[in-house]
Amino acid sequence: MTEGNGTTIPHASDHECCSTEGERKSHHSDKMKGNLVSRLNRIEGQIRGVKGMIERDTYCDDVLNQIAAIQSALNGVGKLLLEGHMKSCVIERIQAGESEVIDELLITVNKLMK
């Protein structure tokens, strides 16, 4: 699947969770991890670009538009992680009888929506 900008979006099934002695970890496929790292590297570059724009006294509206693009890109990373989390970790924990995962998920979604 691809986004409007041509970026390939790995399937959420490329994500798996496990718990070892109370420490929960996510295990993304190499494809998913590469996609996430690539997106974050691009975002990191955009942030450095905004810093440079500020240092060069770039017109505020132009800087604000770049900030909006960064926020949108971060939201894309968050959506991808959330989808994978819901389709693997949350389902696994519910099946294991850990219904408190729903409250955890609701708190996380509320933080993402701020």
Protein backbone atom coordinates (compact mmCIF):
# COMPACT_ATOMS: atom_id res chain seq x y z
CA MET A 1 0.00 0.00 0.00
CA THR A 2 1.26 3.54 -0.70
CA GLU A 3 0.44 6.97 0.64
CA GLY A 4 -0.43 9.92 -1.56
CA ASN A 5 3.23 10.97 -1.53
CA GLY A 6 4.33 7.60 -2.94
CA THR A 7 5.72 6.30 0.35
CA THR A 8 5.21 2.57 0.83
CA ILE A 9 3.27 1.73 3.98
CA PRO A 10 4.09 -1.68 5.43
CA HIS A 11 1.15 -3.75 6.62
CA ALA A 12 0.42 -3.65 10.32
CA SER A 13 0.99 -7.41 10.34
CA ASP A 14 4.69 -6.51 10.01
CA HIS A 15 4.48 -5.82 13.74
CA GLU A 16 4.56 -8.24 16.64
CA CYS A 17 4.66 -7.79 20.40
CA CYS A 18 6.00 -9.89 23.17
CA SER A 19 6.45 -9.59 26.89
CA THR A 20 9.48 -10.83 28.76
CA GLU A 21 9.44 -10.71 32.54
CA GLY A 22 7.24 -7.61 32.73
CA GLU A 23 9.09 -5.71 30.00
CA ARG A 24 6.94 -5.27 26.91
CA LYS A 25 8.65 -4.85 23.58
CA SER A 26 7.55 -4.48 20.02
CA HIS A 27 9.21 -6.44 17.27
CA HIS A 28 8.75 -4.78 13.92
CA SER A 29 9.73 -6.53 10.74
CA ASP A 30 12.85 -5.18 9.05
CA LYS A 31 10.62 -3.65 6.37
CA MET A 32 8.44 -1.84 8.92
CA LYS A 33 11.44 -0.69 10.95
CA GLY A 34 13.16 0.60 7.81
CA ASN A 35 10.04 2.50 6.79
CA LEU A 36 9.65 4.09 10.23
CA VAL A 37 13.33 5.04 10.46
CA SER A 38 13.22 6.50 6.94
CA ARG A 39 10.18 8.61 7.81
CA LEU A 40 11.78 9.79 11.04
CA ASN A 41 15.03 10.66 9.26
CA ARG A 42 13.04 12.76 6.80
CA ILE A 43 11.23 14.49 9.68
CA GLU A 44 14.56 15.12 11.41
CA GLY A 45 15.80 16.80 8.24
CA GLN A 46 12.65 18.91 8.04
CA ILE A 47 13.18 20.06 11.62
CA ARG A 48 16.77 21.05 10.86
CA GLY A 49 15.40 22.93 7.84
CA VAL A 50 12.95 24.86 10.02
CA LYS A 51 15.76 25.72 12.42
CA GLY A 52 17.73 27.11 9.48
CA MET A 53 14.69 29.06 8.29
CA ILE A 54 14.40 30.70 11.71
CA GLU A 55 18.11 31.50 11.76
CA ARG A 56 17.76 33.12 8.29
CA ASP A 57 14.72 35.16 9.40
CA THR A 58 12.45 33.42 6.88
CA TYR A 59 8.91 34.80 6.62
CA CYS A 60 6.82 33.41 9.49
CA ASP A 61 4.06 31.99 7.29
CA ASP A 62 6.60 29.91 5.37
CA VAL A 63 8.02 28.54 8.64
CA LEU A 64 4.55 27.76 9.95
CA ASN A 65 3.71 25.85 6.77
CA GLN A 66 6.84 23.74 7.23
CA ILE A 67 5.88 23.08 10.86
CA ALA A 68 2.43 21.93 9.69
CA ALA A 69 4.10 19.53 7.23
CA ILE A 70 6.28 18.14 10.03
CA GLN A 71 3.25 17.63 12.27
CA SER A 72 1.47 15.82 9.46
CA ALA A 73 4.48 13.56 8.89
CA LEU A 74 4.68 12.76 12.62
CA ASN A 75 0.97 11.96 12.62
CA GLY A 76 1.62 9.52 9.77
CA VAL A 77 4.27 7.72 11.84
CA GLY A 78 1.90 7.66 14.81
CA LYS A 79 -0.97 6.26 12.75
CA LEU A 80 1.22 3.51 11.35
CA LEU A 81 2.45 2.52 14.81
CA LEU A 82 -1.05 2.73 16.28
CA GLU A 83 -2.48 0.47 13.58
CA GLY A 84 0.22 -2.12 14.13
CA HIS A 85 -0.19 -1.88 17.89
CA MET A 86 -3.94 -2.42 17.71
CA LYS A 87 -3.71 -5.31 15.24
CA SER A 88 -1.10 -7.17 17.23
CA CYS A 89 -0.25 -6.10 20.77
CA VAL A 90 -3.76 -5.06 21.81
CA ILE A 91 -5.40 -8.16 20.32
CA GLU A 92 -2.79 -10.45 21.89
CA ARG A 93 -3.24 -8.88 25.32
CA ILE A 94 -7.05 -9.02 25.14
CA GLN A 95 -6.84 -12.69 24.13
CA ALA A 96 -4.54 -13.24 27.13
CA GLY A 97 -7.23 -11.75 29.39
CA GLU A 98 -5.46 -8.42 29.93
CA SER A 99 -8.46 -6.12 29.42
CA GLU A 100 -6.58 -3.20 31.02
CA VAL A 101 -4.89 -2.78 27.64
CA ILE A 102 -8.05 -0.95 26.49
CA ASP A 103 -7.58 1.75 29.14
CA GLU A 104 -3.90 2.02 28.19
CA LEU A 105 -4.87 2.36 24.53
CA LEU A 106 -7.47 5.06 25.27
CA ILE A 107 -4.90 7.11 27.19
CA THR A 108 -2.46 6.80 24.30
CA VAL A 109 -5.07 7.77 21.68
CA ASN A 110 -6.04 10.81 23.77
CA LYS A 111 -2.39 11.89 23.88
CA LEU A 112 -2.08 11.45 20.10
CA MET A 113 -5.18 13.55 19.49
CA LYS A 114 -4.02 16.60 21.50
